[in-house]
Amino acid sequence: MIELSTHEGARAPHAPRVGLRRAGGVCAALAFAVACGGGGEGNGAQDVPTPLLSQEAGSPGDSSQVGSGELVAVRVGGHEIRVEIADDASERERGLMYRESLPEDQGMLFVYASQQVRSFWMRNTLIPLDIAFIDPDGLIVDVQQMQPQTDELTTSRYPMMYALEMNLGWFETNGVEVGDRLEF
């Protein structure tokens, strides 16, 4: 993951200006991020571009770095899925690298402490993926597709606080689109 410049003033045209009326809203999202350890990134590194692959990000022969995340049930667009949480720099850098498959209705949720425009690439990622960019209120603001094993950047169109990666085509197949919600 490489973070780009911050555009905190930008807002998706359909994003609400005020908090959600549903139970959960911003408080649940923040509580979730804090509970997962994403309440702060410590040294201010969130504004410094970070290469997706680093020495700590693991390698194909390092099985302890691949698929070791605990699964958490969440709902997206009304569909229950199970996700691994990537809420620290090392987990976000590693992402779904070196995986040969991803079970149906399972993905990875990237959690950040701040809302920004961010970019992802697919270096050392062996499977094609969909990525949904999600704002702090749980609103999906963008969905894009990513092809495996490329350094081409996929950049969120709007500031996001969460990114959800699923198998390629999952969002379309399940009718989940921009404007739908991620519920913790």
Protein backbone atom coordinates (compact mmCIF):
# COMPACT_ATOMS: atom_id res chain seq x y z
CA MET A 1 0.00 0.00 0.00
CA ILE A 2 1.25 3.46 -0.86
CA GLU A 3 -0.59 6.37 0.67
CA LEU A 4 -1.00 9.46 -1.46
CA SER A 5 -1.74 13.01 -0.45
CA THR A 6 -4.48 13.77 2.03
CA HIS A 7 -7.71 15.19 0.64
CA GLU A 8 -9.75 15.34 3.80
CA GLY A 9 -11.96 18.16 2.50
CA ALA A 10 -13.11 16.16 -0.53
CA ARG A 11 -16.35 14.28 -0.15
CA ALA A 12 -18.15 11.79 -2.31
CA PRO A 13 -21.19 13.53 -3.82
CA HIS A 14 -23.55 11.02 -2.20
CA ALA A 15 -21.85 10.94 1.21
CA PRO A 16 -23.91 12.31 4.10
CA ARG A 17 -22.87 15.62 5.68
CA VAL A 18 -24.02 14.51 9.12
CA GLY A 19 -23.68 11.33 11.15
CA LEU A 20 -25.70 8.24 10.46
CA ARG A 21 -29.05 7.63 12.06
CA ARG A 22 -28.47 3.90 12.30
CA ALA A 23 -26.99 2.39 15.44
CA GLY A 24 -23.30 2.05 14.96
CA GLY A 25 -22.33 5.09 12.92
CA VAL A 26 -19.09 6.85 13.57
CA CYS A 27 -18.83 5.70 17.17
CA ALA A 28 -18.97 2.03 16.19
CA ALA A 29 -16.45 2.54 13.40
CA LEU A 30 -14.06 4.31 15.75
CA ALA A 31 -14.60 1.76 18.51
CA PHE A 32 -13.96 -1.01 16.00
CA ALA A 33 -10.75 0.62 14.78
CA VAL A 34 -9.51 1.15 18.34
CA ALA A 35 -10.47 -2.39 19.39
CA CYS A 36 -8.51 -3.72 16.42
CA GLY A 37 -5.49 -1.64 17.35
CA GLY A 38 -6.03 0.94 14.61
CA GLY A 39 -6.68 3.85 16.95
CA GLY A 40 -3.44 5.52 16.02
CA GLU A 41 -0.49 4.86 13.83
CA GLY A 42 1.95 6.11 16.43
CA ASN A 43 4.86 7.79 14.74
CA GLY A 44 2.88 9.82 12.21
CA ALA A 45 3.85 7.46 9.39
CA GLN A 46 0.38 7.69 7.84
CA ASP A 47 1.48 10.72 5.82
CA VAL A 48 4.73 9.18 4.58
CA PRO A 49 4.53 7.02 1.43
CA THR A 50 5.10 3.42 2.44
CA PRO A 51 6.05 0.71 -0.06
CA LEU A 52 3.68 -2.23 -0.10
CA LEU A 53 6.55 -4.68 0.09
CA SER A 54 9.13 -4.22 2.83
CA GLN A 55 11.52 -6.47 4.69
CA GLU A 56 8.83 -7.05 7.33
CA ALA A 57 6.12 -7.83 4.80
CA GLY A 58 7.06 -11.47 4.48
CA SER A 59 8.17 -13.55 1.53
CA PRO A 60 6.81 -16.58 -0.29
CA GLY A 61 8.74 -18.92 2.00
CA ASP A 62 7.55 -17.27 5.20
CA SER A 63 4.31 -19.14 5.96
CA SER A 64 3.86 -17.36 9.29
CA GLN A 65 3.16 -14.16 7.37
CA VAL A 66 0.54 -15.67 5.04
CA GLY A 67 -3.05 -16.26 6.11
CA SER A 68 -2.48 -15.96 9.83
CA GLY A 69 -5.30 -13.47 10.52
CA GLU A 70 -8.32 -14.13 12.68
CA LEU A 71 -11.65 -13.95 10.84
CA VAL A 72 -14.32 -11.47 11.95
CA ALA A 73 -17.94 -11.44 10.71
CA VAL A 74 -19.17 -8.16 9.18
CA ARG A 75 -22.02 -7.20 6.86
CA VAL A 76 -21.57 -5.36 3.59
CA GLY A 77 -24.58 -4.35 1.52
CA GLY A 78 -26.67 -6.73 3.64
CA HIS A 79 -24.40 -9.74 3.00
CA GLU A 80 -22.56 -11.38 5.87
CA ILE A 81 -18.90 -12.02 5.12
CA ARG A 82 -15.83 -12.95 7.14
CA VAL A 83 -12.76 -10.76 6.98
CA GLU A 84 -9.20 -10.72 8.21
CA ILE A 85 -8.41 -7.37 9.80
CA ALA A 86 -5.28 -5.53 8.64
CA ASP A 87 -4.99 -2.71 11.18
CA ASP A 88 -1.27 -2.10 11.54
CA ALA A 89 1.39 -1.12 9.00
CA SER A 90 2.89 -4.60 8.72
CA GLU A 91 -0.49 -6.30 8.14
CA ARG A 92 -1.56 -3.64 5.61
CA GLU A 93 1.77 -3.94 3.75
CA ARG A 94 1.45 -7.73 3.54
CA GLY A 95 -2.25 -7.74 2.64
CA LEU A 96 -3.21 -10.78 0.59
CA MET A 97 0.26 -11.32 -0.91
CA TYR A 98 1.26 -14.86 -1.87
CA ARG A 99 -2.24 -16.30 -1.40
CA GLU A 100 -3.20 -18.76 -4.10
CA SER A 101 -6.92 -18.49 -3.38
CA LEU A 102 -9.47 -16.69 -1.25
CA PRO A 103 -12.61 -18.49 -0.03
CA GLU A 104 -15.96 -17.19 -1.28
CA ASP A 105 -17.49 -14.59 1.07
CA GLN A 106 -14.13 -14.01 2.74
CA GLY A 107 -11.83 -11.02 2.36
CA MET A 108 -9.49 -8.59 4.04
CA LEU A 109 -10.52 -5.33 5.71
CA PHE A 110 -7.81 -2.66 5.87
CA VAL A 111 -8.37 -0.28 8.81
CA TYR A 112 -6.74 3.15 9.05
CA ALA A 113 -6.71 5.79 11.79
CA SER A 114 -7.44 8.64 9.39
CA GLN A 115 -9.51 9.35 6.30
CA GLN A 116 -7.39 9.94 3.17
CA VAL A 117 -7.14 9.17 -0.51
CA ARG A 118 -4.95 6.05 -0.69
CA SER A 119 -3.50 3.78 -3.36
CA PHE A 120 -2.97 0.03 -3.48
CA TRP A 121 -1.00 -2.18 -5.84
CA MET A 122 -0.95 -5.92 -6.46
CA ARG A 123 2.75 -6.78 -6.33
CA ASN A 124 3.14 -10.41 -5.22
CA THR A 125 -0.64 -10.80 -5.04
CA LEU A 126 -1.54 -13.92 -7.00
CA ILE A 127 -5.34 -13.59 -7.22
CA PRO A 128 -7.46 -10.89 -8.91
CA LEU A 129 -9.43 -8.79 -6.45
CA ASP A 130 -12.22 -6.26 -6.08
CA ILE A 131 -11.56 -3.41 -3.67
CA ALA A 132 -14.22 -1.25 -2.03
CA PHE A 133 -13.11 2.03 -0.49
CA ILE A 134 -15.21 2.95 2.56
CA ASP A 135 -15.57 6.21 4.50
CA PRO A 136 -15.56 6.53 8.32
CA ASP A 137 -19.36 6.10 8.43
CA GLY A 138 -19.19 2.74 6.66
CA LEU A 139 -20.40 4.13 3.30
CA ILE A 140 -18.86 2.53 0.22
CA VAL A 141 -17.57 5.47 -1.84
CA ASP A 142 -15.78 3.56 -4.62
CA VAL A 143 -15.40 0.00 -5.95
CA GLN A 144 -12.61 -0.98 -8.36
CA GLN A 145 -11.06 -4.14 -9.77
CA MET A 146 -7.39 -5.08 -9.47
CA GLN A 147 -5.43 -7.57 -11.56
CA PRO A 148 -2.76 -9.77 -9.95
CA GLN A 149 1.00 -9.27 -9.99
CA THR A 150 1.14 -5.64 -11.09
CA ASP A 151 2.62 -2.44 -9.71
CA GLU A 152 -0.18 -0.39 -11.30
CA LEU A 153 -1.76 1.78 -8.61
CA THR A 154 -5.46 1.58 -7.78
CA THR A 155 -6.34 4.87 -6.08
CA SER A 156 -9.51 5.66 -4.16
CA ARG A 157 -11.54 8.37 -5.85
CA TYR A 158 -12.53 9.84 -2.48
CA PRO A 159 -11.01 9.86 1.00
CA MET A 160 -11.43 6.52 2.73
CA MET A 161 -10.79 5.02 6.14
CA TYR A 162 -11.39 1.36 5.29
CA ALA A 163 -10.68 -0.77 2.24
CA LEU A 164 -12.33 -4.16 1.70
CA GLU A 165 -10.69 -6.63 -0.68
CA MET A 166 -12.77 -9.53 -2.00
CA ASN A 167 -12.45 -11.97 -4.91
CA LEU A 168 -12.76 -10.35 -8.34
CA GLY A 169 -16.43 -9.91 -9.24
CA TRP A 170 -17.75 -10.41 -5.69
CA PHE A 171 -19.35 -6.95 -5.40
CA GLU A 172 -21.11 -7.16 -8.78
CA THR A 173 -22.24 -10.77 -8.22
CA ASN A 174 -23.75 -9.83 -4.85
CA GLY A 175 -25.26 -6.53 -5.97
CA VAL A 176 -23.08 -4.52 -3.57
CA GLU A 177 -22.24 -1.07 -4.93
CA VAL A 178 -21.33 2.52 -4.13
CA GLY A 179 -23.74 3.83 -1.50
CA ASP A 180 -24.09 0.50 0.31
CA ARG A 181 -22.73 0.15 3.84
CA LEU A 182 -20.20 -1.89 5.77
CA GLU A 183 -21.57 -2.76 9.22
CA PHE A 184 -19.38 -3.96 12.05
